[in-house]
N, C-alpha and C. Protein backbone atom coordinates (compact mmCIF):
# COMPACT_ATOMS: atom_id res chain seq x y z
N UNK A 1 -35.87 21.65 -20.98
CA UNK A 1 -34.71 21.79 -21.83
C UNK A 1 -33.52 22.26 -20.98
N UNK A 2 -32.36 21.72 -21.26
CA UNK A 2 -31.15 22.05 -20.53
C UNK A 2 -30.50 23.27 -21.19
N UNK A 3 -30.07 24.21 -20.37
CA UNK A 3 -29.46 25.42 -20.91
C UNK A 3 -28.01 25.16 -21.33
N UNK A 4 -27.53 25.99 -22.22
CA UNK A 4 -26.16 25.89 -22.68
C UNK A 4 -25.18 26.10 -21.52
N UNK A 5 -25.51 26.98 -20.60
CA UNK A 5 -24.67 27.24 -19.44
C UNK A 5 -24.52 25.98 -18.58
N UNK A 6 -25.62 25.25 -18.40
CA UNK A 6 -25.57 24.01 -17.62
C UNK A 6 -24.69 22.98 -18.29
N UNK A 7 -24.82 22.84 -19.60
CA UNK A 7 -24.01 21.87 -20.36
C UNK A 7 -22.54 22.22 -20.26
N UNK A 8 -22.21 23.51 -20.44
CA UNK A 8 -20.81 23.94 -20.36
C UNK A 8 -20.26 23.74 -18.94
N UNK A 9 -21.06 24.02 -17.93
CA UNK A 9 -20.60 23.84 -16.55
C UNK A 9 -20.31 22.37 -16.26
N UNK A 10 -21.19 21.49 -16.70
CA UNK A 10 -20.98 20.05 -16.49
C UNK A 10 -19.76 19.56 -17.25
N UNK A 11 -19.54 20.07 -18.46
CA UNK A 11 -18.38 19.67 -19.25
C UNK A 11 -17.09 20.10 -18.56
N UNK A 12 -17.06 21.34 -18.07
CA UNK A 12 -15.87 21.83 -17.37
C UNK A 12 -15.62 21.04 -16.09
N UNK A 13 -16.68 20.70 -15.37
CA UNK A 13 -16.53 19.91 -14.16
C UNK A 13 -15.96 18.52 -14.49
N UNK A 14 -16.45 17.91 -15.56
CA UNK A 14 -15.95 16.59 -15.97
C UNK A 14 -14.48 16.67 -16.35
N UNK A 15 -14.10 17.69 -17.10
CA UNK A 15 -12.70 17.84 -17.52
C UNK A 15 -11.79 18.10 -16.33
N UNK A 16 -12.24 18.91 -15.39
CA UNK A 16 -11.39 19.18 -14.22
C UNK A 16 -11.23 17.93 -13.37
N UNK A 17 -12.27 17.10 -13.28
CA UNK A 17 -12.18 15.85 -12.53
C UNK A 17 -11.19 14.90 -13.20
N UNK A 18 -11.24 14.81 -14.53
CA UNK A 18 -10.30 13.96 -15.26
C UNK A 18 -8.88 14.44 -15.10
N UNK A 19 -8.67 15.74 -15.15
CA UNK A 19 -7.33 16.31 -14.99
C UNK A 19 -6.80 16.00 -13.60
N UNK A 20 -7.65 16.16 -12.57
CA UNK A 20 -7.23 15.87 -11.21
C UNK A 20 -6.84 14.40 -11.06
N UNK A 21 -7.67 13.50 -11.61
CA UNK A 21 -7.38 12.06 -11.52
C UNK A 21 -6.09 11.71 -12.24
N UNK A 22 -5.83 12.36 -13.36
CA UNK A 22 -4.62 12.04 -14.13
C UNK A 22 -3.36 12.59 -13.47
N UNK A 23 -3.48 13.69 -12.72
CA UNK A 23 -2.29 14.30 -12.13
C UNK A 23 -2.06 13.89 -10.68
N UNK A 24 -3.05 13.22 -10.05
CA UNK A 24 -2.88 12.79 -8.68
C UNK A 24 -1.94 11.59 -8.65
N UNK A 25 -0.81 11.67 -7.94
CA UNK A 25 0.13 10.55 -7.95
C UNK A 25 -0.47 9.33 -7.23
N UNK A 26 -0.24 8.16 -7.81
CA UNK A 26 -0.67 6.92 -7.18
C UNK A 26 0.43 6.43 -6.26
N UNK A 27 0.06 5.89 -5.11
CA UNK A 27 1.08 5.35 -4.23
C UNK A 27 1.79 4.17 -4.88
N UNK A 28 3.03 3.96 -4.52
CA UNK A 28 3.76 2.84 -5.08
C UNK A 28 4.30 1.98 -3.95
N UNK A 29 4.86 0.87 -4.33
CA UNK A 29 5.42 -0.05 -3.34
C UNK A 29 6.93 -0.07 -3.52
N UNK A 30 7.66 0.63 -2.67
CA UNK A 30 9.11 0.66 -2.82
C UNK A 30 9.72 -0.72 -2.60
N UNK A 31 10.54 -1.16 -3.54
CA UNK A 31 11.18 -2.47 -3.44
C UNK A 31 12.47 -2.37 -2.63
N UNK A 32 12.84 -3.50 -2.04
CA UNK A 32 14.09 -3.56 -1.30
C UNK A 32 15.15 -4.27 -2.15
N UNK A 33 16.35 -4.26 -1.64
CA UNK A 33 17.43 -5.03 -2.27
C UNK A 33 17.92 -6.04 -1.25
N UNK A 34 18.20 -7.25 -1.72
CA UNK A 34 18.63 -8.27 -0.77
C UNK A 34 20.14 -8.29 -0.58
N UNK A 35 20.90 -7.68 -1.51
CA UNK A 35 22.35 -7.62 -1.36
C UNK A 35 22.85 -6.24 -1.78
N UNK A 36 23.22 -5.35 -0.90
CA UNK A 36 23.06 -5.47 0.55
C UNK A 36 21.60 -5.23 0.93
N UNK A 37 21.17 -5.85 1.99
CA UNK A 37 19.78 -5.73 2.45
C UNK A 37 19.56 -4.32 2.99
N UNK A 38 18.59 -3.61 2.42
CA UNK A 38 18.32 -2.24 2.87
C UNK A 38 17.05 -2.15 3.74
N UNK A 39 16.54 -3.29 4.19
CA UNK A 39 15.40 -3.31 5.11
C UNK A 39 15.90 -3.27 6.55
N UNK A 40 15.04 -2.80 7.44
CA UNK A 40 15.36 -2.85 8.86
C UNK A 40 15.37 -4.32 9.29
N UNK A 41 16.11 -4.63 10.34
CA UNK A 41 16.20 -6.00 10.84
C UNK A 41 14.83 -6.54 11.26
N UNK A 42 13.89 -5.67 11.59
CA UNK A 42 12.55 -6.10 11.99
C UNK A 42 11.62 -6.38 10.81
N UNK A 43 12.10 -6.14 9.59
CA UNK A 43 11.28 -6.34 8.38
C UNK A 43 12.16 -6.84 7.25
N UNK A 44 12.56 -8.10 7.26
CA UNK A 44 13.50 -8.61 6.26
C UNK A 44 12.99 -8.50 4.82
N UNK A 45 13.93 -8.35 3.90
CA UNK A 45 13.63 -8.29 2.47
C UNK A 45 13.27 -9.71 2.00
N UNK A 46 12.11 -9.84 1.37
CA UNK A 46 11.64 -11.15 0.92
C UNK A 46 10.91 -11.03 -0.40
N UNK A 47 10.85 -12.12 -1.13
CA UNK A 47 10.11 -12.16 -2.38
C UNK A 47 8.62 -12.16 -2.06
N UNK A 48 7.90 -11.20 -2.61
CA UNK A 48 6.45 -11.14 -2.42
C UNK A 48 5.79 -11.89 -3.57
N UNK A 49 5.58 -13.18 -3.36
CA UNK A 49 4.86 -14.02 -4.30
C UNK A 49 5.56 -14.11 -5.65
N UNK A 50 6.90 -14.06 -5.61
CA UNK A 50 7.70 -14.22 -6.82
C UNK A 50 7.64 -13.03 -7.76
N UNK A 51 7.10 -11.90 -7.31
CA UNK A 51 6.93 -10.76 -8.21
C UNK A 51 7.82 -9.57 -7.88
N UNK A 52 8.05 -9.31 -6.60
CA UNK A 52 8.85 -8.16 -6.18
C UNK A 52 9.55 -8.49 -4.88
N UNK A 53 10.60 -7.75 -4.60
CA UNK A 53 11.26 -7.85 -3.29
C UNK A 53 10.71 -6.74 -2.41
N UNK A 54 10.13 -7.12 -1.25
CA UNK A 54 9.53 -6.16 -0.34
C UNK A 54 9.98 -6.46 1.08
N UNK A 55 10.02 -5.43 1.92
CA UNK A 55 10.34 -5.59 3.33
C UNK A 55 9.06 -6.01 4.06
N UNK A 56 9.09 -7.15 4.73
CA UNK A 56 7.89 -7.68 5.39
C UNK A 56 8.00 -7.70 6.90
N UNK A 57 6.99 -7.12 7.56
CA UNK A 57 6.93 -7.16 9.02
C UNK A 57 6.57 -8.56 9.50
N UNK A 58 6.93 -8.86 10.74
CA UNK A 58 6.48 -10.11 11.35
C UNK A 58 4.96 -10.05 11.46
N UNK A 59 4.26 -11.19 11.36
CA UNK A 59 2.80 -11.18 11.52
C UNK A 59 2.39 -10.52 12.84
N UNK A 60 1.40 -9.63 12.77
CA UNK A 60 0.90 -8.95 13.97
C UNK A 60 1.57 -7.63 14.26
N UNK A 61 2.56 -7.24 13.44
CA UNK A 61 3.28 -5.98 13.66
C UNK A 61 3.15 -5.07 12.45
N UNK A 62 3.30 -3.78 12.71
CA UNK A 62 3.25 -2.76 11.66
C UNK A 62 4.38 -1.76 11.90
N UNK A 63 4.48 -0.78 11.02
CA UNK A 63 5.56 0.20 11.09
C UNK A 63 5.52 1.00 12.40
N UNK A 64 6.69 1.30 12.91
CA UNK A 64 6.84 2.06 14.15
C UNK A 64 6.97 3.54 13.83
N UNK A 65 6.18 4.36 14.55
CA UNK A 65 6.26 5.81 14.38
C UNK A 65 5.65 6.32 13.10
N UNK A 66 4.78 5.54 12.48
CA UNK A 66 4.16 5.91 11.19
C UNK A 66 2.65 5.82 11.34
N UNK A 67 1.93 6.80 10.78
CA UNK A 67 0.47 6.74 10.75
C UNK A 67 0.05 5.47 10.02
N UNK A 68 -0.85 4.66 10.60
CA UNK A 68 -1.24 3.40 9.95
C UNK A 68 -1.77 3.58 8.53
N UNK A 69 -2.31 4.73 8.20
CA UNK A 69 -2.89 4.96 6.87
C UNK A 69 -1.87 5.48 5.84
N UNK A 70 -0.63 5.70 6.25
CA UNK A 70 0.41 6.22 5.35
C UNK A 70 0.94 5.11 4.45
N UNK A 71 0.36 5.00 3.25
CA UNK A 71 0.74 3.93 2.32
C UNK A 71 2.05 4.20 1.60
N UNK A 72 2.71 5.30 1.90
CA UNK A 72 4.06 5.49 1.35
C UNK A 72 5.08 4.76 2.23
N UNK A 73 4.68 4.42 3.46
CA UNK A 73 5.58 3.75 4.41
C UNK A 73 5.18 2.32 4.74
N UNK A 74 3.86 2.01 4.70
CA UNK A 74 3.40 0.66 5.03
C UNK A 74 2.08 0.38 4.33
N UNK A 75 1.82 -0.89 4.06
CA UNK A 75 0.61 -1.31 3.37
C UNK A 75 0.43 -2.81 3.56
N UNK A 76 -0.74 -3.29 3.21
CA UNK A 76 -1.01 -4.73 3.17
C UNK A 76 -1.35 -5.09 1.72
N UNK A 77 -1.24 -6.37 1.40
CA UNK A 77 -1.57 -6.87 0.07
C UNK A 77 -2.82 -7.74 0.16
N UNK A 78 -3.73 -7.53 -0.76
CA UNK A 78 -4.98 -8.29 -0.76
C UNK A 78 -4.78 -9.62 -1.49
N UNK A 79 -3.98 -10.49 -0.87
CA UNK A 79 -3.64 -11.79 -1.44
C UNK A 79 -4.16 -12.85 -0.46
N UNK A 80 -4.93 -13.82 -0.95
CA UNK A 80 -5.49 -14.82 -0.04
C UNK A 80 -4.44 -15.44 0.88
N UNK A 81 -4.80 -15.53 2.15
CA UNK A 81 -3.99 -16.09 3.23
C UNK A 81 -2.80 -15.22 3.63
N UNK A 82 -2.68 -14.04 3.05
CA UNK A 82 -1.58 -13.13 3.40
C UNK A 82 -2.09 -11.72 3.69
N UNK A 83 -3.39 -11.56 3.84
CA UNK A 83 -3.97 -10.24 4.08
C UNK A 83 -3.50 -9.63 5.40
N UNK A 84 -3.04 -10.47 6.31
CA UNK A 84 -2.63 -10.01 7.64
C UNK A 84 -1.22 -9.42 7.65
N UNK A 85 -0.41 -9.70 6.63
CA UNK A 85 0.99 -9.22 6.62
C UNK A 85 1.06 -7.74 6.27
N UNK A 86 1.95 -7.04 6.94
CA UNK A 86 2.22 -5.63 6.63
C UNK A 86 3.59 -5.56 5.97
N UNK A 87 3.66 -4.81 4.87
CA UNK A 87 4.91 -4.61 4.12
C UNK A 87 5.29 -3.14 4.28
N UNK A 88 6.57 -2.86 4.31
CA UNK A 88 7.03 -1.49 4.57
C UNK A 88 8.11 -1.08 3.57
N UNK A 89 8.32 0.23 3.49
CA UNK A 89 9.39 0.78 2.67
C UNK A 89 10.74 0.40 3.29
N UNK A 90 11.78 0.29 2.46
CA UNK A 90 13.11 -0.04 3.00
C UNK A 90 13.51 0.92 4.11
N UNK A 91 14.09 0.34 5.18
CA UNK A 91 14.57 1.13 6.31
C UNK A 91 13.54 1.40 7.39
N UNK A 92 12.26 1.11 7.13
CA UNK A 92 11.22 1.37 8.13
C UNK A 92 11.20 0.23 9.15
N UNK A 93 11.15 0.60 10.41
CA UNK A 93 11.16 -0.37 11.51
C UNK A 93 9.74 -0.89 11.78
N UNK A 94 9.62 -2.18 12.09
CA UNK A 94 8.32 -2.84 12.35
C UNK A 94 8.27 -3.39 13.76
N UNK A 95 8.10 -2.54 14.74
CA UNK A 95 8.06 -2.99 16.12
C UNK A 95 6.79 -2.57 16.85
N UNK A 96 5.78 -2.11 16.13
CA UNK A 96 4.53 -1.70 16.75
C UNK A 96 3.51 -2.81 16.58
N UNK A 97 2.95 -3.27 17.69
CA UNK A 97 1.93 -4.30 17.65
C UNK A 97 0.66 -3.72 17.02
N UNK A 98 0.05 -4.46 16.11
CA UNK A 98 -1.18 -4.00 15.46
C UNK A 98 -2.32 -3.93 16.49
N UNK A 99 -3.36 -3.16 16.14
CA UNK A 99 -4.52 -3.03 17.04
C UNK A 99 -5.11 -4.40 17.37
N UNK A 100 -5.20 -5.27 16.38
CA UNK A 100 -5.63 -6.66 16.57
C UNK A 100 -4.56 -7.52 15.90
N UNK A 101 -3.63 -8.09 16.66
CA UNK A 101 -2.48 -8.77 16.06
C UNK A 101 -2.68 -10.26 15.75
N UNK A 102 -3.92 -10.75 15.85
CA UNK A 102 -4.13 -12.20 15.75
C UNK A 102 -4.91 -12.60 14.50
N UNK A 103 -4.44 -13.63 13.81
CA UNK A 103 -5.18 -14.27 12.73
C UNK A 103 -5.35 -13.44 11.47
N UNK A 104 -6.32 -13.86 10.66
CA UNK A 104 -6.53 -13.26 9.34
C UNK A 104 -6.98 -11.81 9.42
N UNK A 105 -7.61 -11.40 10.50
CA UNK A 105 -8.09 -10.02 10.65
C UNK A 105 -7.03 -9.10 11.24
N UNK A 106 -5.80 -9.58 11.33
CA UNK A 106 -4.71 -8.81 11.93
C UNK A 106 -4.39 -7.56 11.11
N UNK A 107 -4.07 -6.49 11.82
CA UNK A 107 -3.52 -5.26 11.22
C UNK A 107 -4.47 -4.57 10.25
N UNK A 108 -5.76 -4.66 10.48
CA UNK A 108 -6.72 -4.04 9.57
C UNK A 108 -6.64 -2.52 9.54
N UNK A 109 -5.92 -1.91 10.50
CA UNK A 109 -5.77 -0.45 10.48
C UNK A 109 -4.85 0.00 9.35
N UNK A 110 -4.08 -0.93 8.78
CA UNK A 110 -3.18 -0.62 7.66
C UNK A 110 -3.93 -0.97 6.36
N UNK A 111 -4.05 -0.01 5.43
CA UNK A 111 -4.83 -0.26 4.21
C UNK A 111 -4.12 -1.17 3.20
N UNK A 112 -4.93 -1.73 2.31
CA UNK A 112 -4.41 -2.52 1.19
C UNK A 112 -3.86 -1.58 0.13
N UNK A 113 -2.83 -2.01 -0.56
CA UNK A 113 -2.27 -1.29 -1.70
C UNK A 113 -2.17 -2.32 -2.82
N UNK A 114 -3.19 -2.37 -3.66
CA UNK A 114 -3.35 -3.46 -4.60
C UNK A 114 -2.42 -3.45 -5.80
N UNK A 115 -1.79 -2.32 -6.12
CA UNK A 115 -0.94 -2.31 -7.32
C UNK A 115 0.47 -2.87 -7.09
N UNK A 116 0.75 -3.35 -5.89
CA UNK A 116 2.08 -3.90 -5.62
C UNK A 116 2.32 -5.22 -6.32
N UNK A 117 1.37 -6.11 -6.23
CA UNK A 117 1.48 -7.42 -6.88
C UNK A 117 0.16 -7.77 -7.51
N UNK A 118 0.19 -8.63 -8.49
CA UNK A 118 -1.04 -9.11 -9.12
C UNK A 118 -1.34 -10.49 -8.58
N UNK A 119 -2.60 -10.73 -8.25
CA UNK A 119 -2.97 -12.06 -7.79
C UNK A 119 -4.26 -12.47 -8.48
N UNK A 120 -4.29 -13.64 -9.10
CA UNK A 120 -3.18 -14.58 -9.19
C UNK A 120 -2.06 -14.01 -10.04
N UNK A 121 -0.82 -14.51 -9.82
CA UNK A 121 0.34 -13.99 -10.57
C UNK A 121 0.15 -14.14 -12.08
N UNK A 122 0.75 -13.21 -12.84
CA UNK A 122 0.61 -13.26 -14.31
C UNK A 122 1.24 -14.51 -14.90
């Protein structure tokens, strides 16, 4: 038989986990503006699959001076045939060569941020 103390402890643990999940901010994908363009020259403002305007690095490059895991500054999108592209916040420079800059496996050190666009598009 389970004691009342055990049940109460598990209930409190569940509630604290839900509270933490609800209050933890989710990363977002900062959009750029094309007029005037607020992206760095190394990451032009472009339409990301017709859904948002994002600053896109050249294939094989990622943000300069930024931790590769910092999804507030750079991220990849899990979209078929575009998984290799790195997108950055407006004003962030993209002049750092990725650890592996070639092909579909390019820039895997930069994580995916799936809430930026929906694929397939709505």
